[in-house]
Amino acid sequence: MLGDGEMSAGQIGDAFPISPASMSHHFNVLKQAGLISGRREGQQILYSVNTTVMQELAALVLDLIQRTETSPSETTE
């Protein structure tokens, strides 16, 4: 959802059938993991994807895939 830009907590919460308190908990977990960031604008908190972390994750996954494809396969005799 945040791929197109930042969104308010309310906008994100409207897409999920859980309580605002549960959404707040999930936002905090994602922030602690460094996956999203939040900034206050008036009474709202606007969330956005931490693209640096996502780029690093994508690079690690691609590297792992490349290693798997180029490593010699095990054979049974």
PDB file of N, CA and C in Angstrom:
ATOM      1  N   MET A   1       0.810  -1.200   0.000  1.00  0.00           N
ATOM      2  CA  MET A   1       0.000   0.000   0.000  1.00  0.00           C
ATOM      3  C   MET A   1       0.850   1.259   0.000  1.00  0.00           C
ATOM      4  N   LEU A   2       1.994   1.195   0.647  1.00  0.00           N
ATOM      5  CA  LEU A   2       2.837   2.382   0.741  1.00  0.00           C
ATOM      6  C   LEU A   2       3.764   2.538  -0.456  1.00  0.00           C
ATOM      7  N   GLY A   3       3.679   1.633  -1.405  1.00  0.00           N
ATOM      8  CA  GLY A   3       4.528   1.713  -2.585  1.00  0.00           C
ATOM      9  C   GLY A   3       4.264   2.944  -3.428  1.00  0.00           C
ATOM     10  N   ASP A   4       3.061   3.491  -3.345  1.00  0.00           N
ATOM     11  CA  ASP A   4       2.707   4.671  -4.133  1.00  0.00           C
ATOM     12  C   ASP A   4       2.952   5.975  -3.386  1.00  0.00           C
ATOM     13  N   GLY A   5       3.401   5.888  -2.137  1.00  0.00           N
ATOM     14  CA  GLY A   5       3.654   7.102  -1.354  1.00  0.00           C
ATOM     15  C   GLY A   5       3.122   6.948   0.051  1.00  0.00           C
ATOM     16  N   GLU A   6       3.335   7.976   0.846  1.00  0.00           N
ATOM     17  CA  GLU A   6       2.937   7.888   2.246  1.00  0.00           C
ATOM     18  C   GLU A   6       1.421   7.965   2.403  1.00  0.00           C
ATOM     19  N   MET A   7       0.986   7.346   3.494  1.00  0.00           N
ATOM     20  CA  MET A   7      -0.445   7.298   3.816  1.00  0.00           C
ATOM     21  C   MET A   7      -0.614   7.505   5.309  1.00  0.00           C
ATOM     22  N   SER A   8      -1.774   8.009   5.686  1.00  0.00           N
ATOM     23  CA  SER A   8      -2.055   8.179   7.106  1.00  0.00           C
ATOM     24  C   SER A   8      -2.405   6.825   7.730  1.00  0.00           C
ATOM     25  N   ALA A   9      -2.256   6.777   9.035  1.00  0.00           N
ATOM     26  CA  ALA A   9      -2.605   5.553   9.761  1.00  0.00           C
ATOM     27  C   ALA A   9      -4.062   5.186   9.515  1.00  0.00           C
ATOM     28  N   GLY A  10      -4.935   6.187   9.463  1.00  0.00           N
ATOM     29  CA  GLY A  10      -6.349   5.934   9.227  1.00  0.00           C
ATOM     30  C   GLY A  10      -6.617   5.348   7.853  1.00  0.00           C
ATOM     31  N   GLN A  11      -5.935   5.874   6.838  1.00  0.00           N
ATOM     32  CA  GLN A  11      -6.106   5.347   5.484  1.00  0.00           C
ATOM     33  C   GLN A  11      -5.678   3.887   5.412  1.00  0.00           C
ATOM     34  N   ILE A  12      -4.570   3.572   6.038  1.00  0.00           N
ATOM     35  CA  ILE A  12      -4.086   2.189   6.036  1.00  0.00           C
ATOM     36  C   ILE A  12      -5.034   1.312   6.838  1.00  0.00           C
ATOM     37  N   GLY A  13      -5.434   1.790   7.999  1.00  0.00           N
ATOM     38  CA  GLY A  13      -6.315   1.026   8.871  1.00  0.00           C
ATOM     39  C   GLY A  13      -7.653   0.698   8.247  1.00  0.00           C
ATOM     40  N   ASP A  14      -8.141   1.587   7.374  1.00  0.00           N
ATOM     41  CA  ASP A  14      -9.433   1.333   6.716  1.00  0.00           C
ATOM     42  C   ASP A  14      -9.405   0.084   5.839  1.00  0.00           C
ATOM     43  N   ALA A  15      -8.228  -0.338   5.421  1.00  0.00           N
ATOM     44  CA  ALA A  15      -8.111  -1.503   4.539  1.00  0.00           C
ATOM     45  C   ALA A  15      -8.071  -2.827   5.300  1.00  0.00           C
ATOM     46  N   PHE A  16      -8.031  -2.766   6.633  1.00  0.00           N
ATOM     47  CA  PHE A  16      -7.896  -3.985   7.432  1.00  0.00           C
ATOM     48  C   PHE A  16      -8.992  -4.070   8.479  1.00  0.00           C
ATOM     49  N   PRO A  17      -9.553  -5.262   8.677  1.00  0.00           N
ATOM     50  CA  PRO A  17     -10.643  -5.431   9.645  1.00  0.00           C
ATOM     51  C   PRO A  17     -10.142  -5.673  11.069  1.00  0.00           C
ATOM     52  N   ILE A  18      -9.243  -4.801  11.550  1.00  0.00           N
ATOM     53  CA  ILE A  18      -8.755  -4.941  12.923  1.00  0.00           C
ATOM     54  C   ILE A  18      -8.861  -3.590  13.621  1.00  0.00           C
ATOM     55  N   SER A  19      -8.745  -3.617  14.921  1.00  0.00           N
ATOM     56  CA  SER A  19      -8.939  -2.405  15.713  1.00  0.00           C
ATOM     57  C   SER A  19      -7.781  -1.422  15.523  1.00  0.00           C
ATOM     58  N   PRO A  20      -8.034  -0.142  15.763  1.00  0.00           N
ATOM     59  CA  PRO A  20      -6.956   0.848  15.693  1.00  0.00           C
ATOM     60  C   PRO A  20      -5.786   0.525  16.627  1.00  0.00           C
ATOM     61  N   ALA A  21      -6.089  -0.053  17.783  1.00  0.00           N
ATOM     62  CA  ALA A  21      -5.016  -0.424  18.716  1.00  0.00           C
ATOM     63  C   ALA A  21      -4.123  -1.510  18.112  1.00  0.00           C
ATOM     64  N   SER A  22      -4.735  -2.483  17.444  1.00  0.00           N
ATOM     65  CA  SER A  22      -3.952  -3.535  16.785  1.00  0.00           C
ATOM     66  C   SER A  22      -3.121  -2.957  15.648  1.00  0.00           C
ATOM     67  N   MET A  23      -3.713  -2.030  14.885  1.00  0.00           N
ATOM     68  CA  MET A  23      -2.969  -1.389  13.797  1.00  0.00           C
ATOM     69  C   MET A  23      -1.764  -0.643  14.361  1.00  0.00           C
ATOM     70  N   SER A  24      -1.955   0.061  15.450  1.00  0.00           N
ATOM     71  CA  SER A  24      -0.875   0.803  16.082  1.00  0.00           C
ATOM     72  C   SER A  24       0.254  -0.136  16.481  1.00  0.00           C
ATOM     73  N   HIS A  25      -0.105  -1.286  17.030  1.00  0.00           N
ATOM     74  CA  HIS A  25       0.907  -2.281  17.399  1.00  0.00           C
ATOM     75  C   HIS A  25       1.691  -2.734  16.171  1.00  0.00           C
ATOM     76  N   HIS A  26       0.991  -3.011  15.089  1.00  0.00           N
ATOM     77  CA  HIS A  26       1.653  -3.458  13.856  1.00  0.00           C
ATOM     78  C   HIS A  26       2.565  -2.366  13.288  1.00  0.00           C
ATOM     79  N   PHE A  27       2.095  -1.122  13.332  1.00  0.00           N
ATOM     80  CA  PHE A  27       2.938  -0.011  12.870  1.00  0.00           C
ATOM     81  C   PHE A  27       4.225   0.057  13.686  1.00  0.00           C
ATOM     82  N   ASN A  28       4.099  -0.107  15.002  1.00  0.00           N
ATOM     83  CA  ASN A  28       5.284  -0.056  15.865  1.00  0.00           C
ATOM     84  C   ASN A  28       6.263  -1.182  15.559  1.00  0.00           C
ATOM     85  N   VAL A  29       5.754  -2.373  15.308  1.00  0.00           N
ATOM     86  CA  VAL A  29       6.622  -3.505  14.967  1.00  0.00           C
ATOM     87  C   VAL A  29       7.354  -3.227  13.653  1.00  0.00           C
ATOM     88  N   LEU A  30       6.633  -2.724  12.653  1.00  0.00           N
ATOM     89  CA  LEU A  30       7.251  -2.418  11.360  1.00  0.00           C
ATOM     90  C   LEU A  30       8.277  -1.293  11.484  1.00  0.00           C
ATOM     91  N   LYS A  31       7.985  -0.303  12.329  1.00  0.00           N
ATOM     92  CA  LYS A  31       8.946   0.788  12.547  1.00  0.00           C
ATOM     93  C   LYS A  31      10.196   0.267  13.244  1.00  0.00           C
ATOM     94  N   GLN A  32      10.035  -0.563  14.257  1.00  0.00           N
ATOM     95  CA  GLN A  32      11.184  -1.131  14.972  1.00  0.00           C
ATOM     96  C   GLN A  32      12.045  -1.981  14.057  1.00  0.00           C
ATOM     97  N   ALA A  33      11.423  -2.640  13.084  1.00  0.00           N
ATOM     98  CA  ALA A  33      12.164  -3.466  12.135  1.00  0.00           C
ATOM     99  C   ALA A  33      12.829  -2.617  11.054  1.00  0.00           C
ATOM    100  N   GLY A  34      12.510  -1.326  11.031  1.00  0.00           N
ATOM    101  CA  GLY A  34      13.101  -0.440  10.042  1.00  0.00           C
ATOM    102  C   GLY A  34      12.450  -0.515   8.678  1.00  0.00           C
ATOM    103  N   LEU A  35      11.287  -1.150   8.585  1.00  0.00           N
ATOM    104  CA  LEU A  35      10.625  -1.312   7.292  1.00  0.00           C
ATOM    105  C   LEU A  35       9.795  -0.104   6.888  1.00  0.00           C
ATOM    106  N   ILE A  36       9.276   0.629   7.886  1.00  0.00           N
ATOM    107  CA  ILE A  36       8.510   1.837   7.603  1.00  0.00           C
ATOM    108  C   ILE A  36       8.989   2.958   8.513  1.00  0.00           C
ATOM    109  N   SER A  37       8.658   4.180   8.148  1.00  0.00           N
ATOM    110  CA  SER A  37       8.912   5.318   9.021  1.00  0.00           C
ATOM    111  C   SER A  37       7.639   6.133   9.100  1.00  0.00           C
ATOM    112  N   GLY A  38       7.503   6.879  10.164  1.00  0.00           N
ATOM    113  CA  GLY A  38       6.323   7.697  10.355  1.00  0.00           C
ATOM    114  C   GLY A  38       6.713   9.112  10.710  1.00  0.00           C
ATOM    115  N   ARG A  39       5.936  10.060  10.223  1.00  0.00           N
ATOM    116  CA  ARG A  39       6.163  11.456  10.589  1.00  0.00           C
ATOM    117  C   ARG A  39       4.822  12.078  10.936  1.00  0.00           C
ATOM    118  N   ARG A  40       4.854  12.941  11.925  1.00  0.00           N
ATOM    119  CA  ARG A  40       3.622  13.588  12.378  1.00  0.00           C
ATOM    120  C   ARG A  40       3.353  14.818  11.523  1.00  0.00           C
ATOM    121  N   GLU A  41       2.101  14.932  11.099  1.00  0.00           N
ATOM    122  CA  GLU A  41       1.630  16.120  10.391  1.00  0.00           C
ATOM    123  C   GLU A  41       0.309  16.515  11.042  1.00  0.00           C
ATOM    124  N   GLY A  42       0.372  17.505  11.906  1.00  0.00           N
ATOM    125  CA  GLY A  42      -0.817  17.872  12.678  1.00  0.00           C
ATOM    126  C   GLY A  42      -1.177  16.749  13.622  1.00  0.00           C
ATOM    127  N   GLN A  43      -2.414  16.287  13.527  1.00  0.00           N
ATOM    128  CA  GLN A  43      -2.859  15.200  14.400  1.00  0.00           C
ATOM    129  C   GLN A  43      -2.681  13.835  13.769  1.00  0.00           C
ATOM    130  N   GLN A  44      -2.216  13.786  12.525  1.00  0.00           N
ATOM    131  CA  GLN A  44      -2.038  12.513  11.825  1.00  0.00           C
ATOM    132  C   GLN A  44      -0.583  12.089  11.807  1.00  0.00           C
ATOM    133  N   ILE A  45      -0.382  10.778  11.707  1.00  0.00           N
ATOM    134  CA  ILE A  45       0.946  10.232  11.451  1.00  0.00           C
ATOM    135  C   ILE A  45       0.914   9.665  10.042  1.00  0.00           C
ATOM    136  N   LEU A  46       1.853  10.119   9.232  1.00  0.00           N
ATOM    137  CA  LEU A  46       1.951   9.637   7.859  1.00  0.00           C
ATOM    138  C   LEU A  46       3.075   8.621   7.793  1.00  0.00           C
ATOM    139  N   TYR A  47       2.770   7.455   7.235  1.00  0.00           N
ATOM    140  CA  TYR A  47       3.739   6.374   7.146  1.00  0.00           C
ATOM    141  C   TYR A  47       4.250   6.238   5.717  1.00  0.00           C
ATOM    142  N   SER A  48       5.507   5.829   5.605  1.00  0.00           N
ATOM    143  CA  SER A  48       6.102   5.570   4.294  1.00  0.00           C
ATOM    144  C   SER A  48       7.043   4.375   4.405  1.00  0.00           C
ATOM    145  N   VAL A  49       7.308   3.751   3.262  1.00  0.00           N
ATOM    146  CA  VAL A  49       8.218   2.603   3.214  1.00  0.00           C
ATOM    147  C   VAL A  49       9.642   3.104   3.318  1.00  0.00           C
ATOM    148  N   ASN A  50      10.448   2.422   4.100  1.00  0.00           N
ATOM    149  CA  ASN A  50      11.870   2.736   4.182  1.00  0.00           C
ATOM    150  C   ASN A  50      12.531   2.057   2.987  1.00  0.00           C
ATOM    151  N   THR A  51      12.672   2.793   1.904  1.00  0.00           N
ATOM    152  CA  THR A  51      13.149   2.195   0.657  1.00  0.00           C
ATOM    153  C   THR A  51      14.577   1.663   0.776  1.00  0.00           C
ATOM    154  N   THR A  52      15.397   2.263   1.625  1.00  0.00           N
ATOM    155  CA  THR A  52      16.765   1.780   1.794  1.00  0.00           C
ATOM    156  C   THR A  52      16.772   0.343   2.291  1.00  0.00           C
ATOM    157  N   VAL A  53      15.964   0.061   3.284  1.00  0.00           N
ATOM    158  CA  VAL A  53      15.885  -1.295   3.836  1.00  0.00           C
ATOM    159  C   VAL A  53      15.341  -2.253   2.792  1.00  0.00           C
ATOM    160  N   MET A  54      14.320  -1.823   2.056  1.00  0.00           N
ATOM    161  CA  MET A  54      13.734  -2.689   1.038  1.00  0.00           C
ATOM    162  C   MET A  54      14.723  -2.957  -0.092  1.00  0.00           C
ATOM    163  N   GLN A  55      15.517  -1.961  -0.464  1.00  0.00           N
ATOM    164  CA  GLN A  55      16.528  -2.156  -1.502  1.00  0.00           C
ATOM    165  C   GLN A  55      17.595  -3.130  -1.019  1.00  0.00           C
ATOM    166  N   GLU A  56      18.005  -3.002   0.238  1.00  0.00           N
ATOM    167  CA  GLU A  56      18.995  -3.924   0.794  1.00  0.00           C
ATOM    168  C   GLU A  56      18.451  -5.346   0.822  1.00  0.00           C
ATOM    169  N   LEU A  57      17.198  -5.495   1.209  1.00  0.00           N
ATOM    170  CA  LEU A  57      16.575  -6.818   1.243  1.00  0.00           C
ATOM    171  C   LEU A  57      16.512  -7.415  -0.159  1.00  0.00           C
ATOM    172  N   ALA A  58      16.107  -6.606  -1.132  1.00  0.00           N
ATOM    173  CA  ALA A  58      16.029  -7.088  -2.517  1.00  0.00           C
ATOM    174  C   ALA A  58      17.411  -7.508  -3.016  1.00  0.00           C
ATOM    175  N   ALA A  59      18.441  -6.738  -2.692  1.00  0.00           N
ATOM    176  CA  ALA A  59      19.804  -7.075  -3.112  1.00  0.00           C
ATOM    177  C   ALA A  59      20.255  -8.388  -2.484  1.00  0.00           C
ATOM    178  N   LEU A  60      19.929  -8.603  -1.208  1.00  0.00           N
ATOM    179  CA  LEU A  60      20.303  -9.853  -0.544  1.00  0.00           C
ATOM    180  C   LEU A  60      19.603 -11.048  -1.179  1.00  0.00           C
ATOM    181  N   VAL A  61      18.330 -10.886  -1.497  1.00  0.00           N
ATOM    182  CA  VAL A  61      17.572 -11.981  -2.116  1.00  0.00           C
ATOM    183  C   VAL A  61      18.136 -12.298  -3.499  1.00  0.00           C
ATOM    184  N   LEU A  62      18.421 -11.263  -4.294  1.00  0.00           N
ATOM    185  CA  LEU A  62      18.991 -11.486  -5.626  1.00  0.00           C
ATOM    186  C   LEU A  62      20.349 -12.167  -5.535  1.00  0.00           C
ATOM    187  N   ASP A  63      21.165 -11.751  -4.579  1.00  0.00           N
ATOM    188  CA  ASP A  63      22.480 -12.367  -4.391  1.00  0.00           C
ATOM    189  C   ASP A  63      22.328 -13.838  -4.024  1.00  0.00           C
ATOM    190  N   LEU A  64      21.386 -14.138  -3.148  1.00  0.00           N
ATOM    191  CA  LEU A  64      21.145 -15.521  -2.751  1.00  0.00           C
ATOM    192  C   LEU A  64      20.686 -16.356  -3.937  1.00  0.00           C
ATOM    193  N   ILE A  65      19.812 -15.804  -4.759  1.00  0.00           N
ATOM    194  CA  ILE A  65      19.339 -16.521  -5.947  1.00  0.00           C
ATOM    195  C   ILE A  65      20.491 -16.779  -6.912  1.00  0.00           C
ATOM    196  N   GLN A  66      21.323 -15.779  -7.124  1.00  0.00           N
ATOM    197  CA  GLN A  66      22.456 -15.940  -8.031  1.00  0.00           C
ATOM    198  C   GLN A  66      23.424 -16.990  -7.511  1.00  0.00           C
ATOM    199  N   ARG A  67      23.672 -17.002  -6.223  1.00  0.00           N
ATOM    200  CA  ARG A  67      24.580 -18.005  -5.643  1.00  0.00           C
ATOM    201  C   ARG A  67      24.011 -19.405  -5.828  1.00  0.00           C
ATOM    202  N   THR A  68      22.714 -19.538  -5.634  1.00  0.00           N
ATOM    203  CA  THR A  68      22.065 -20.840  -5.773  1.00  0.00           C
ATOM    204  C   THR A  68      22.136 -21.328  -7.213  1.00  0.00           C
ATOM    205  N   GLU A  69      21.955 -20.405  -8.164  1.00  0.00           N
ATOM    206  CA  GLU A  69      21.970 -20.786  -9.580  1.00  0.00           C
ATOM    207  C   GLU A  69      23.361 -21.110 -10.079  1.00  0.00           C
ATOM    208  N   THR A  70      24.409 -20.491  -9.511  1.00  0.00           N
ATOM    209  CA  THR A  70      25.770 -20.704 -10.001  1.00  0.00           C
ATOM    210  C   THR A  70      26.558 -21.734  -9.213  1.00  0.00           C
ATOM    211  N   SER A  71      26.029 -22.187  -8.078  1.00  0.00           N
ATOM    212  CA  SER A  71      26.773 -23.179  -7.303  1.00  0.00           C
ATOM    213  C   SER A  71      26.660 -24.542  -7.969  1.00  0.00           C
ATOM    214  N   PRO A  72      27.720 -25.342  -7.870  1.00  0.00           N
ATOM    215  CA  PRO A  72      27.667 -26.674  -8.481  1.00  0.00           C
ATOM    216  C   PRO A  72      26.575 -27.508  -7.815  1.00  0.00           C
ATOM    217  N   SER A  73      25.828 -28.204  -8.619  1.00  0.00           N
ATOM    218  CA  SER A  73      24.753 -29.028  -8.057  1.00  0.00           C
ATOM    219  C   SER A  73      25.341 -30.303  -7.486  1.00  0.00           C
ATOM    220  N   GLU A  74      24.677 -30.790  -6.466  1.00  0.00           N
ATOM    221  CA  GLU A  74      25.124 -32.033  -5.854  1.00  0.00           C
ATOM    222  C   GLU A  74      24.598 -33.206  -6.669  1.00  0.00           C
ATOM    223  N   THR A  75      25.450 -34.181  -6.866  1.00  0.00           N
ATOM    224  CA  THR A  75      25.021 -35.375  -7.587  1.00  0.00           C
ATOM    225  C   THR A  75      25.153 -36.582  -6.689  1.00  0.00           C
ATOM    226  N   THR A  76      24.335 -37.546  -6.922  1.00  0.00           N
ATOM    227  CA  THR A  76      24.422 -38.788  -6.158  1.00  0.00           C
ATOM    228  C   THR A  76      25.015 -39.852  -7.052  1.00  0.00           C
ATOM    229  N   GLU A  77      25.863 -40.665  -6.478  1.00  0.00           N
ATOM    230  CA  GLU A  77      26.527 -41.719  -7.262  1.00  0.00           C
ATOM    231  C   GLU A  77      26.070 -43.072  -6.837  1.00  0.00           C
TER     232      GLU A  77
END
